[in-house]
């Protein structure tokens, strides 16, 4: 009885082991290579697959998703004999599991070595400045060469990127000094341009202010001249409309003389010759007046006597 149980247990274990070798479950976005007696038979896709146990062998499982593979920095010599270290990143995808398994021993190592040699060929034809400023050109050149070479390996290179380009330390110091000098130069130019614009704007402002001030003074002078002309015209019209005689005009002339002498700066006063004529006119105005009306008494020669204290015509008390 015990022997039968042991045989049944052994058979169950064998059947379970056979089922495990027969049923193959492939995850999504993966593929497996099946060999029969060491020869390629078929490719297992995602899902449940049945193989012949002990005859079919699942040799390799491949990831069909896009993969990212960074490569360590590689020393590359430029056209001007400078050594730069370049880091690269490759984005690729397995499109043919059979070719990726049998056409190349290790597609990752093959891609890395092909990237290094292609990068050296491209950088070797460029100087340092072109290398630092032509990343897109280098990426496009690398991608074209890699995609063409890896096509027969069942690999499609989607993208190639340069992570970093490190020139020698001495070159980095020189580049930093040059950049500082360029920044200082641009700052000096901007400052000079600002000062120039400021001076121009200030001069234009002063010019505009002077023009406005001159225009204001001119308008003020015109207005003053117009006002004086209007005043003179009004006085002239008033005199002519009032029909003033020579006596009144002479009297107004005498009233104006003290205004001419006003001011601290007038140390010398020249009496015009018309003063005598005005005095004669005023004297003639008082000639013949009645003494009772407060008029002066004419002298024997027809000229009124003047009071010595007030220098006015002397009035007879009678």
C-alpha atoms as a PDB file:
ATOM      1  CA  UNK A   1       0.000   0.000   0.000  1.00  0.00           C
ATOM      2  CA  UNK A   2       2.793   2.373   0.862  1.00  0.00           C
ATOM      3  CA  UNK A   3       4.492   1.578  -2.424  1.00  0.00           C
ATOM      4  CA  UNK A   4       1.384   2.526  -4.364  1.00  0.00           C
ATOM      5  CA  UNK A   5       1.148   5.860  -2.562  1.00  0.00           C
ATOM      6  CA  UNK A   6       4.774   6.639  -3.288  1.00  0.00           C
ATOM      7  CA  UNK A   7       4.309   5.818  -6.970  1.00  0.00           C
ATOM      8  CA  UNK A   8       1.232   8.031  -7.160  1.00  0.00           C
ATOM      9  CA  UNK A   9       3.082  10.919  -5.545  1.00  0.00           C
ATOM     10  CA  UNK A  10       5.972  10.527  -7.970  1.00  0.00           C
ATOM     11  CA  UNK A  11       3.587  10.424 -10.923  1.00  0.00           C
ATOM     12  CA  UNK A  12       1.789  13.549  -9.707  1.00  0.00           C
ATOM     13  CA  UNK A  13       5.041  15.416  -9.307  1.00  0.00           C
ATOM     14  CA  UNK A  14       6.141  14.322 -12.776  1.00  0.00           C
ATOM     15  CA  UNK A  15       2.865  15.407 -14.316  1.00  0.00           C
ATOM     16  CA  UNK A  16       3.091  18.785 -12.581  1.00  0.00           C
ATOM     17  CA  UNK A  17       6.640  19.233 -13.828  1.00  0.00           C
ATOM     18  CA  UNK A  18       5.556  18.310 -17.362  1.00  0.00           C
ATOM     19  CA  UNK A  19       2.717  20.803 -17.212  1.00  0.00           C
ATOM     20  CA  UNK A  20       5.120  23.516 -16.136  1.00  0.00           C
ATOM     21  CA  UNK A  21       7.340  22.722 -19.118  1.00  0.00           C
ATOM     22  CA  UNK A  22       4.358  22.564 -21.465  1.00  0.00           C
ATOM     23  CA  UNK A  23       2.485  25.732 -20.516  1.00  0.00           C
ATOM     24  CA  UNK A  24       4.392  28.992 -21.046  1.00  0.00           C
ATOM     25  CA  UNK A  25       2.830  32.322 -20.015  1.00  0.00           C
ATOM     26  CA  UNK A  26       4.493  35.323 -21.677  1.00  0.00           C
ATOM     27  CA  UNK A  27       3.784  38.764 -20.139  1.00  0.00           C
ATOM     28  CA  UNK A  28       2.644  41.697 -22.227  1.00  0.00           C
ATOM     29  CA  UNK A  29       5.354  43.543 -24.249  1.00  0.00           C
ATOM     30  CA  UNK A  30       7.670  40.544 -24.055  1.00  0.00           C
ATOM     31  CA  UNK A  31       8.624  37.723 -26.410  1.00  0.00           C
ATOM     32  CA  UNK A  32      10.377  34.374 -26.039  1.00  0.00           C
ATOM     33  CA  UNK A  33      12.504  32.324 -28.419  1.00  0.00           C
ATOM     34  CA  UNK A  34      11.731  28.569 -28.684  1.00  0.00           C
ATOM     35  CA  UNK A  35      14.370  26.091 -29.881  1.00  0.00           C
ATOM     36  CA  UNK A  36      13.760  22.443 -30.742  1.00  0.00           C
ATOM     37  CA  UNK A  37      16.854  20.344 -30.385  1.00  0.00           C
ATOM     38  CA  UNK A  38      18.942  23.511 -30.479  1.00  0.00           C
ATOM     39  CA  UNK A  39      17.318  24.964 -33.590  1.00  0.00           C
ATOM     40  CA  UNK A  40      15.056  27.997 -33.751  1.00  0.00           C
ATOM     41  CA  UNK A  41      11.436  26.987 -34.057  1.00  0.00           C
ATOM     42  CA  UNK A  42       9.193  29.942 -33.291  1.00  0.00           C
ATOM     43  CA  UNK A  43       8.696  33.079 -31.240  1.00  0.00           C
ATOM     44  CA  UNK A  44       6.248  33.057 -28.355  1.00  0.00           C
ATOM     45  CA  UNK A  45       4.147  36.191 -28.062  1.00  0.00           C
ATOM     46  CA  UNK A  46       2.328  37.576 -25.034  1.00  0.00           C
ATOM     47  CA  UNK A  47      -0.272  35.248 -23.516  1.00  0.00           C
ATOM     48  CA  UNK A  48      -0.640  31.484 -22.947  1.00  0.00           C
ATOM     49  CA  UNK A  49       1.536  29.273 -25.140  1.00  0.00           C
ATOM     50  CA  UNK A  50       1.951  25.461 -25.371  1.00  0.00           C
ATOM     51  CA  UNK A  51       5.313  23.850 -26.102  1.00  0.00           C
ATOM     52  CA  UNK A  52       6.451  20.247 -26.301  1.00  0.00           C
ATOM     53  CA  UNK A  53       8.165  19.365 -23.036  1.00  0.00           C
ATOM     54  CA  UNK A  54      11.690  18.003 -23.108  1.00  0.00           C
ATOM     55  CA  UNK A  55      11.817  18.774 -26.850  1.00  0.00           C
ATOM     56  CA  UNK A  56      11.136  22.527 -27.090  1.00  0.00           C
ATOM     57  CA  UNK A  57      13.286  24.835 -25.012  1.00  0.00           C
ATOM     58  CA  UNK A  58      12.556  28.467 -24.198  1.00  0.00           C
ATOM     59  CA  UNK A  59      15.972  29.994 -24.796  1.00  0.00           C
ATOM     60  CA  UNK A  60      15.591  33.733 -24.338  1.00  0.00           C
ATOM     61  CA  UNK A  61      12.998  36.254 -23.186  1.00  0.00           C
ATOM     62  CA  UNK A  62      13.192  39.766 -24.692  1.00  0.00           C
ATOM     63  CA  UNK A  63      11.591  43.041 -23.609  1.00  0.00           C
ATOM     64  CA  UNK A  64       9.816  44.696 -26.545  1.00  0.00           C
ATOM     65  CA  UNK A  65       9.358  48.073 -24.851  1.00  0.00           C
ATOM     66  CA  UNK A  66      11.515  51.090 -25.662  1.00  0.00           C
ATOM     67  CA  UNK A  67      14.650  50.934 -23.565  1.00  0.00           C
ATOM     68  CA  UNK A  68      17.050  53.603 -22.354  1.00  0.00           C
ATOM     69  CA  UNK A  69      20.716  52.759 -22.206  1.00  0.00           C
ATOM     70  CA  UNK A  70      23.252  55.314 -20.887  1.00  0.00           C
ATOM     71  CA  UNK A  71      26.917  54.878 -21.757  1.00  0.00           C
ATOM     72  CA  UNK A  72      29.841  56.068 -19.633  1.00  0.00           C
ATOM     73  CA  UNK A  73      31.877  59.142 -20.722  1.00  0.00           C
ATOM     74  CA  UNK A  74      34.157  58.468 -23.656  1.00  0.00           C
ATOM     75  CA  UNK A  75      37.301  60.481 -24.521  1.00  0.00           C
ATOM     76  CA  UNK A  76      37.062  61.893 -28.037  1.00  0.00           C
ATOM     77  CA  UNK A  77      39.648  63.998 -29.908  1.00  0.00           C
ATOM     78  CA  UNK A  78      38.385  66.998 -31.856  1.00  0.00           C
ATOM     79  CA  UNK A  79      39.778  68.371 -35.101  1.00  0.00           C
ATOM     80  CA  UNK A  80      41.877  70.941 -33.199  1.00  0.00           C
ATOM     81  CA  UNK A  81      43.506  68.135 -31.120  1.00  0.00           C
ATOM     82  CA  UNK A  82      41.558  68.673 -27.896  1.00  0.00           C
ATOM     83  CA  UNK A  83      40.278  65.767 -25.819  1.00  0.00           C
ATOM     84  CA  UNK A  84      36.661  66.035 -24.695  1.00  0.00           C
ATOM     85  CA  UNK A  85      34.617  63.549 -22.685  1.00  0.00           C
ATOM     86  CA  UNK A  86      31.113  62.888 -24.005  1.00  0.00           C
ATOM     87  CA  UNK A  87      28.243  61.073 -22.265  1.00  0.00           C
ATOM     88  CA  UNK A  88      25.604  59.533 -24.530  1.00  0.00           C
ATOM     89  CA  UNK A  89      22.138  58.050 -24.009  1.00  0.00           C
ATOM     90  CA  UNK A  90      20.508  55.680 -26.538  1.00  0.00           C
ATOM     91  CA  UNK A  91      16.744  55.095 -26.826  1.00  0.00           C
ATOM     92  CA  UNK A  92      16.112  51.864 -28.725  1.00  0.00           C
ATOM     93  CA  UNK A  93      13.483  49.150 -29.138  1.00  0.00           C
ATOM     94  CA  UNK A  94      13.640  45.469 -30.108  1.00  0.00           C
ATOM     95  CA  UNK A  95      11.513  44.941 -33.217  1.00  0.00           C
ATOM     96  CA  UNK A  96      12.619  41.420 -34.190  1.00  0.00           C
ATOM     97  CA  UNK A  97      13.366  39.067 -31.262  1.00  0.00           C
ATOM     98  CA  UNK A  98      14.813  36.394 -33.550  1.00  0.00           C
ATOM     99  CA  UNK A  99      17.348  38.787 -35.155  1.00  0.00           C
ATOM    100  CA  UNK A 100      18.230  40.306 -31.778  1.00  0.00           C
ATOM    101  CA  UNK A 101      19.000  36.808 -30.495  1.00  0.00           C
ATOM    102  CA  UNK A 102      20.835  35.240 -33.421  1.00  0.00           C
ATOM    103  CA  UNK A 103      22.253  38.099 -35.526  1.00  0.00           C
ATOM    104  CA  UNK A 104      24.445  39.567 -32.780  1.00  0.00           C
ATOM    105  CA  UNK A 105      25.949  38.109 -29.644  1.00  0.00           C
ATOM    106  CA  UNK A 106      25.006  41.042 -27.352  1.00  0.00           C
ATOM    107  CA  UNK A 107      23.100  43.889 -28.938  1.00  0.00           C
ATOM    108  CA  UNK A 108      23.737  46.230 -25.960  1.00  0.00           C
ATOM    109  CA  UNK A 109      27.506  45.833 -26.215  1.00  0.00           C
ATOM    110  CA  UNK A 110      27.325  46.121 -29.994  1.00  0.00           C
ATOM    111  CA  UNK A 111      25.320  49.356 -29.777  1.00  0.00           C
ATOM    112  CA  UNK A 112      27.765  50.791 -27.254  1.00  0.00           C
ATOM    113  CA  UNK A 113      30.828  50.069 -29.364  1.00  0.00           C
ATOM    114  CA  UNK A 114      29.143  51.313 -32.516  1.00  0.00           C
ATOM    115  CA  UNK A 115      28.154  54.533 -30.700  1.00  0.00           C
ATOM    116  CA  UNK A 116      31.739  55.140 -29.553  1.00  0.00           C
ATOM    117  CA  UNK A 117      33.285  54.641 -32.988  1.00  0.00           C
ATOM    118  CA  UNK A 118      30.627  56.722 -34.747  1.00  0.00           C
ATOM    119  CA  UNK A 119      30.973  59.490 -32.194  1.00  0.00           C
ATOM    120  CA  UNK A 120      34.738  59.603 -32.703  1.00  0.00           C
ATOM    121  CA  UNK A 121      34.303  59.845 -36.452  1.00  0.00           C
ATOM    122  CA  UNK A 122      31.827  62.720 -36.177  1.00  0.00           C
ATOM    123  CA  UNK A 123      33.696  64.698 -33.491  1.00  0.00           C
ATOM    124  CA  UNK A 124      37.017  64.151 -35.265  1.00  0.00           C
ATOM    125  CA  UNK A 125      35.806  66.289 -38.159  1.00  0.00           C
ATOM    126  CA  UNK A 126      34.680  69.183 -35.920  1.00  0.00           C
ATOM    127  CA  UNK A 127      36.546  71.696 -33.789  1.00  0.00           C
ATOM    128  CA  UNK A 128      35.758  72.339 -30.127  1.00  0.00           C
ATOM    129  CA  UNK A 129      33.481  75.304 -30.712  1.00  0.00           C
ATOM    130  CA  UNK A 130      31.447  73.424 -33.318  1.00  0.00           C
ATOM    131  CA  UNK A 131      31.243  70.411 -31.003  1.00  0.00           C
ATOM    132  CA  UNK A 132      29.813  72.508 -28.165  1.00  0.00           C
ATOM    133  CA  UNK A 133      27.269  74.259 -30.369  1.00  0.00           C
ATOM    134  CA  UNK A 134      26.203  71.418 -32.699  1.00  0.00           C
ATOM    135  CA  UNK A 135      24.470  68.931 -30.434  1.00  0.00           C
ATOM    136  CA  UNK A 136      21.531  68.470 -32.795  1.00  0.00           C
ATOM    137  CA  UNK A 137      23.853  67.791 -35.717  1.00  0.00           C
ATOM    138  CA  UNK A 138      25.821  65.201 -33.730  1.00  0.00           C
ATOM    139  CA  UNK A 139      22.617  63.553 -32.476  1.00  0.00           C
ATOM    140  CA  UNK A 140      21.193  63.300 -35.984  1.00  0.00           C
ATOM    141  CA  UNK A 141      24.449  61.850 -37.344  1.00  0.00           C
ATOM    142  CA  UNK A 142      24.648  59.248 -34.564  1.00  0.00           C
ATOM    143  CA  UNK A 143      21.027  58.238 -34.964  1.00  0.00           C
ATOM    144  CA  UNK A 144      21.357  57.792 -38.717  1.00  0.00           C
ATOM    145  CA  UNK A 145      24.426  55.552 -38.468  1.00  0.00           C
ATOM    146  CA  UNK A 146      23.080  53.496 -35.539  1.00  0.00           C
ATOM    147  CA  UNK A 147      19.633  53.010 -37.041  1.00  0.00           C
ATOM    148  CA  UNK A 148      21.137  51.782 -40.307  1.00  0.00           C
ATOM    149  CA  UNK A 149      23.594  49.416 -38.628  1.00  0.00           C
ATOM    150  CA  UNK A 150      21.228  47.996 -36.010  1.00  0.00           C
ATOM    151  CA  UNK A 151      18.382  47.359 -38.442  1.00  0.00           C
ATOM    152  CA  UNK A 152      19.690  43.869 -39.314  1.00  0.00           C
ATOM    153  CA  UNK A 153      19.972  43.132 -35.577  1.00  0.00           C
ATOM    154  CA  UNK A 154      16.252  43.638 -35.080  1.00  0.00           C
ATOM    155  CA  UNK A 155      16.859  46.917 -33.195  1.00  0.00           C
ATOM    156  CA  UNK A 156      15.357  50.308 -33.985  1.00  0.00           C
ATOM    157  CA  UNK A 157      17.200  53.320 -32.567  1.00  0.00           C
ATOM    158  CA  UNK A 158      14.603  55.993 -31.825  1.00  0.00           C
ATOM    159  CA  UNK A 159      16.757  58.700 -30.333  1.00  0.00           C
ATOM    160  CA  UNK A 160      20.348  59.554 -29.423  1.00  0.00           C
ATOM    161  CA  UNK A 161      21.195  62.281 -26.916  1.00  0.00           C
ATOM    162  CA  UNK A 162      24.467  63.774 -25.694  1.00  0.00           C
ATOM    163  CA  UNK A 163      24.148  64.227 -21.937  1.00  0.00           C
ATOM    164  CA  UNK A 164      27.336  66.186 -21.418  1.00  0.00           C
ATOM    165  CA  UNK A 165      30.360  67.450 -23.314  1.00  0.00           C
ATOM    166  CA  UNK A 166      33.268  68.195 -20.980  1.00  0.00           C
ATOM    167  CA  UNK A 167      36.291  69.981 -22.499  1.00  0.00           C
ATOM    168  CA  UNK A 168      39.686  70.019 -20.725  1.00  0.00           C
ATOM    169  CA  UNK A 169      40.040  72.038 -17.520  1.00  0.00           C
ATOM    170  CA  UNK A 170      42.354  74.605 -19.094  1.00  0.00           C
ATOM    171  CA  UNK A 171      39.892  75.150 -21.931  1.00  0.00           C
ATOM    172  CA  UNK A 172      37.060  75.545 -19.421  1.00  0.00           C
ATOM    173  CA  UNK A 173      39.026  78.229 -17.561  1.00  0.00           C
ATOM    174  CA  UNK A 174      39.731  80.071 -20.816  1.00  0.00           C
ATOM    175  CA  UNK A 175      36.089  79.852 -21.825  1.00  0.00           C
ATOM    176  CA  UNK A 176      34.970  81.227 -18.456  1.00  0.00           C
ATOM    177  CA  UNK A 177      37.388  84.146 -18.750  1.00  0.00           C
ATOM    178  CA  UNK A 178      36.161  84.840 -22.280  1.00  0.00           C
ATOM    179  CA  UNK A 179      32.533  84.733 -21.152  1.00  0.00           C
ATOM    180  CA  UNK A 180      33.290  87.113 -18.271  1.00  0.00           C
ATOM    181  CA  UNK A 181      35.058  89.477 -20.659  1.00  0.00           C
ATOM    182  CA  UNK A 182      32.116  89.344 -23.063  1.00  0.00           C
ATOM    183  CA  UNK A 183      29.660  90.044 -20.248  1.00  0.00           C
ATOM    184  CA  UNK A 184      31.759  92.975 -19.001  1.00  0.00           C
ATOM    185  CA  UNK A 185      31.964  94.308 -22.551  1.00  0.00           C
ATOM    186  CA  UNK A 186      28.196  94.066 -23.049  1.00  0.00           C
ATOM    187  CA  UNK A 187      27.618  95.728 -19.677  1.00  0.00           C
ATOM    188  CA  UNK A 188      29.940  98.611 -20.575  1.00  0.00           C
ATOM    189  CA  UNK A 189      28.247  99.032 -23.945  1.00  0.00           C
ATOM    190  CA  UNK A 190      24.800  99.044 -22.358  1.00  0.00           C
ATOM    191  CA  UNK A 191      25.912 101.558 -19.738  1.00  0.00           C
ATOM    192  CA  UNK A 192      27.431 103.858 -22.377  1.00  0.00           C
ATOM    193  CA  UNK A 193      24.306 103.558 -24.497  1.00  0.00           C
ATOM    194  CA  UNK A 194      22.161 104.405 -21.497  1.00  0.00           C
ATOM    195  CA  UNK A 195      24.260 107.457 -20.657  1.00  0.00           C
ATOM    196  CA  UNK A 196      24.097 108.552 -24.306  1.00  0.00           C
ATOM    197  CA  UNK A 197      20.324 108.207 -24.399  1.00  0.00           C
ATOM    198  CA  UNK A 198      20.066 110.044 -21.089  1.00  0.00           C
ATOM    199  CA  UNK A 199      22.200 112.936 -22.377  1.00  0.00           C
ATOM    200  CA  UNK A 200      20.168 113.108 -25.589  1.00  0.00           C
ATOM    201  CA  UNK A 201      16.883 113.147 -23.718  1.00  0.00           C
ATOM    202  CA  UNK A 202      18.183 115.762 -21.272  1.00  0.00           C
ATOM    203  CA  UNK A 203      19.393 117.996 -24.128  1.00  0.00           C
ATOM    204  CA  UNK A 204      16.089 117.593 -25.944  1.00  0.00           C
ATOM    205  CA  UNK A 205      14.235 118.470 -22.757  1.00  0.00           C
ATOM    206  CA  UNK A 206      16.343 121.593 -22.207  1.00  0.00           C
ATOM    207  CA  UNK A 207      15.838 122.571 -25.837  1.00  0.00           C
ATOM    208  CA  UNK A 208      12.087 122.114 -25.594  1.00  0.00           C
ATOM    209  CA  UNK A 209      12.020 124.087 -22.327  1.00  0.00           C
ATOM    210  CA  UNK A 210      14.030 126.934 -23.867  1.00  0.00           C
ATOM    211  CA  UNK A 211      11.757 127.013 -26.913  1.00  0.00           C
ATOM    212  CA  UNK A 212       8.653 127.070 -24.756  1.00  0.00           C
ATOM    213  CA  UNK A 213      10.126 129.789 -22.537  1.00  0.00           C
ATOM    214  CA  UNK A 214      11.044 131.905 -25.586  1.00  0.00           C
ATOM    215  CA  UNK A 215       7.580 131.396 -27.051  1.00  0.00           C
ATOM    216  CA  UNK A 216       6.047 132.368 -23.730  1.00  0.00           C
ATOM    217  CA  UNK A 217       8.161 135.522 -23.499  1.00  0.00           C
ATOM    218  CA  UNK A 218       7.313 136.409 -27.092  1.00  0.00           C
ATOM    219  CA  UNK A 219       3.605 135.937 -26.471  1.00  0.00           C
ATOM    220  CA  UNK A 220       3.869 137.932 -23.240  1.00  0.00           C
ATOM    221  CA  UNK A 221       5.675 140.763 -25.062  1.00  0.00           C
ATOM    222  CA  UNK A 222       3.029 140.727 -27.770  1.00  0.00           C
ATOM    223  CA  UNK A 223       0.274 140.845 -25.172  1.00  0.00           C
ATOM    224  CA  UNK A 224       2.006 143.693 -23.281  1.00  0.00           C
ATOM    225  CA  UNK A 225       2.494 145.616 -26.517  1.00  0.00           C
ATOM    226  CA  UNK A 226      -1.149 145.035 -27.429  1.00  0.00           C
ATOM    227  CA  UNK A 227      -2.224 146.218 -23.968  1.00  0.00           C
ATOM    228  CA  UNK A 228      -0.071 149.334 -24.117  1.00  0.00           C
ATOM    229  CA  UNK A 229      -1.303 150.056 -27.622  1.00  0.00           C
ATOM    230  CA  UNK A 230      -4.888 149.643 -26.462  1.00  0.00           C
ATOM    231  CA  UNK A 231      -4.261 151.932 -23.471  1.00  0.00           C
ATOM    232  CA  UNK A 232      -2.656 154.575 -25.652  1.00  0.00           C
ATOM    233  CA  UNK A 233      -5.483 154.244 -28.135  1.00  0.00           C
ATOM    234  CA  UNK A 234      -8.050 154.614 -25.349  1.00  0.00           C
ATOM    235  CA  UNK A 235      -6.308 157.689 -23.920  1.00  0.00           C
ATOM    236  CA  UNK A 236      -5.945 159.196 -27.359  1.00  0.00           C
ATOM    237  CA  UNK A 237      -9.598 158.607 -28.132  1.00  0.00           C
ATOM    238  CA  UNK A 238     -10.627 159.966 -24.726  1.00  0.00           C
ATOM    239  CA  UNK A 239      -8.572 163.121 -25.256  1.00  0.00           C
ATOM    240  CA  UNK A 240      -9.971 163.706 -28.706  1.00  0.00           C
ATOM    241  CA  UNK A 241     -13.507 162.883 -27.678  1.00  0.00           C
ATOM    242  CA  UNK A 242     -13.207 165.315 -24.731  1.00  0.00           C
ATOM    243  CA  UNK A 243     -11.802 168.033 -26.989  1.00  0.00           C
ATOM    244  CA  UNK A 244      -8.999 168.913 -24.524  1.00  0.00           C
ATOM    245  CA  UNK A 245      -7.323 172.256 -25.158  1.00  0.00           C
ATOM    246  CA  UNK A 246      -3.653 173.166 -24.918  1.00  0.00           C
ATOM    247  CA  UNK A 247      -3.959 174.251 -21.318  1.00  0.00           C
ATOM    248  CA  UNK A 248      -5.163 170.859 -20.079  1.00  0.00           C
ATOM    249  CA  UNK A 249      -2.480 169.053 -21.988  1.00  0.00           C
ATOM    250  CA  UNK A 250       0.192 171.271 -20.522  1.00  0.00           C
ATOM    251  CA  UNK A 251      -1.113 170.640 -17.022  1.00  0.00           C
ATOM    252  CA  UNK A 252      -1.085 166.831 -17.542  1.00  0.00           C
ATOM    253  CA  UNK A 253       2.448 167.090 -18.860  1.00  0.00           C
ATOM    254  CA  UNK A 254       3.532 168.798 -15.662  1.00  0.00           C
ATOM    255  CA  UNK A 255       1.849 166.104 -13.579  1.00  0.00           C
ATOM    256  CA  UNK A 256       3.856 163.430 -15.424  1.00  0.00           C
ATOM    257  CA  UNK A 257       7.256 165.010 -14.720  1.00  0.00           C
ATOM    258  CA  UNK A 258       7.504 163.811 -11.061  1.00  0.00           C
ATOM    259  CA  UNK A 259       6.926 160.230 -12.177  1.00  0.00           C
ATOM    260  CA  UNK A 260       9.908 160.502 -14.485  1.00  0.00           C
ATOM    261  CA  UNK A 261      12.115 161.483 -11.526  1.00  0.00           C
ATOM    262  CA  UNK A 262      11.020 158.542  -9.327  1.00  0.00           C
ATOM    263  CA  UNK A 263      13.520 155.793  -8.490  1.00  0.00           C
ATOM    264  CA  UNK A 264      16.681 155.562  -6.420  1.00  0.00           C
ATOM    265  CA  UNK A 265      18.857 155.166  -9.503  1.00  0.00           C
ATOM    266  CA  UNK A 266      17.839 158.523 -10.970  1.00  0.00           C
ATOM    267  CA  UNK A 267      20.643 160.750  -9.705  1.00  0.00           C
ATOM    268  CA  UNK A 268      20.600 163.094 -12.688  1.00  0.00           C
ATOM    269  CA  UNK A 269      17.367 164.517 -14.074  1.00  0.00           C
ATOM    270  CA  UNK A 270      17.427 166.358 -17.335  1.00  0.00           C
ATOM    271  CA  UNK A 271      14.489 168.663 -17.790  1.00  0.00           C
ATOM    272  CA  UNK A 272      13.236 168.647 -21.362  1.00  0.00           C
ATOM    273  CA  UNK A 273      12.959 171.891 -23.271  1.00  0.00           C
ATOM    274  CA  UNK A 274       9.202 171.409 -23.489  1.00  0.00           C
ATOM    275  CA  UNK A 275       8.900 172.218 -19.763  1.00  0.00           C
ATOM    276  CA  UNK A 276       9.237 175.931 -20.463  1.00  0.00           C
ATOM    277  CA  UNK A 277       6.476 175.792 -23.028  1.00  0.00           C
ATOM    278  CA  UNK A 278       4.292 173.851 -20.592  1.00  0.00           C
ATOM    279  CA  UNK A 279       4.906 176.435 -17.875  1.00  0.00           C
ATOM    280  CA  UNK A 280       4.019 179.184 -20.267  1.00  0.00           C
ATOM    281  CA  UNK A 281       0.815 177.371 -21.114  1.00  0.00           C
ATOM    282  CA  UNK A 282      -0.061 176.943 -17.454  1.00  0.00           C
ATOM    283  CA  UNK A 283       0.855 180.553 -16.716  1.00  0.00           C
ATOM    284  CA  UNK A 284      -1.337 181.654 -19.546  1.00  0.00           C
ATOM    285  CA  UNK A 285      -4.153 179.582 -18.101  1.00  0.00           C
ATOM    286  CA  UNK A 286      -4.041 181.469 -14.847  1.00  0.00           C
ATOM    287  CA  UNK A 287      -3.719 184.895 -16.509  1.00  0.00           C
ATOM    288  CA  UNK A 288      -6.869 186.945 -16.277  1.00  0.00           C
ATOM    289  CA  UNK A 289      -8.511 184.906 -13.492  1.00  0.00           C
ATOM    290  CA  UNK A 290     -10.469 186.704 -10.795  1.00  0.00           C
ATOM    291  CA  UNK A 291      -8.553 187.004  -7.540  1.00  0.00           C
ATOM    292  CA  UNK A 292     -11.709 186.262  -5.603  1.00  0.00           C
ATOM    293  CA  UNK A 293     -11.825 182.830  -7.221  1.00  0.00           C
ATOM    294  CA  UNK A 294      -8.398 181.961  -5.798  1.00  0.00           C
ATOM    295  CA  UNK A 295      -6.553 182.874  -9.015  1.00  0.00           C
ATOM    296  CA  UNK A 296      -3.196 184.543  -9.137  1.00  0.00           C
ATOM    297  CA  UNK A 297      -2.674 188.218  -9.673  1.00  0.00           C
ATOM    298  CA  UNK A 298      -0.843 188.909 -12.861  1.00  0.00           C
ATOM    299  CA  UNK A 299       2.368 190.797 -12.623  1.00  0.00           C
ATOM    300  CA  UNK A 300       3.126 193.949 -14.461  1.00  0.00           C
ATOM    301  CA  UNK A 301       4.697 192.074 -17.303  1.00  0.00           C
ATOM    302  CA  UNK A 302       1.822 189.525 -17.462  1.00  0.00           C
ATOM    303  CA  UNK A 303       3.654 186.701 -15.592  1.00  0.00           C
ATOM    304  CA  UNK A 304       2.272 185.595 -12.198  1.00  0.00           C
ATOM    305  CA  UNK A 305       4.430 186.014  -9.102  1.00  0.00           C
ATOM    306  CA  UNK A 306       5.591 182.780  -7.510  1.00  0.00           C
ATOM    307  CA  UNK A 307       5.797 182.151  -3.827  1.00  0.00           C
ATOM    308  CA  UNK A 308       9.416 181.548  -2.831  1.00  0.00           C
ATOM    309  CA  UNK A 309       8.529 178.832  -0.322  1.00  0.00           C
ATOM    310  CA  UNK A 310       6.069 176.809  -2.356  1.00  0.00           C
ATOM    311  CA  UNK A 311       7.090 177.953  -5.849  1.00  0.00           C
ATOM    312  CA  UNK A 312       3.389 178.326  -6.668  1.00  0.00           C
ATOM    313  CA  UNK A 313       1.664 181.412  -7.996  1.00  0.00           C
ATOM    314  CA  UNK A 314       1.254 183.895  -5.211  1.00  0.00           C
ATOM    315  CA  UNK A 315      -2.400 184.754  -4.404  1.00  0.00           C
ATOM    316  CA  UNK A 316      -3.333 188.236  -3.457  1.00  0.00           C
ATOM    317  CA  UNK A 317      -5.043 188.250  -0.048  1.00  0.00           C
ATOM    318  CA  UNK A 318      -7.376 190.972  -1.092  1.00  0.00           C
END
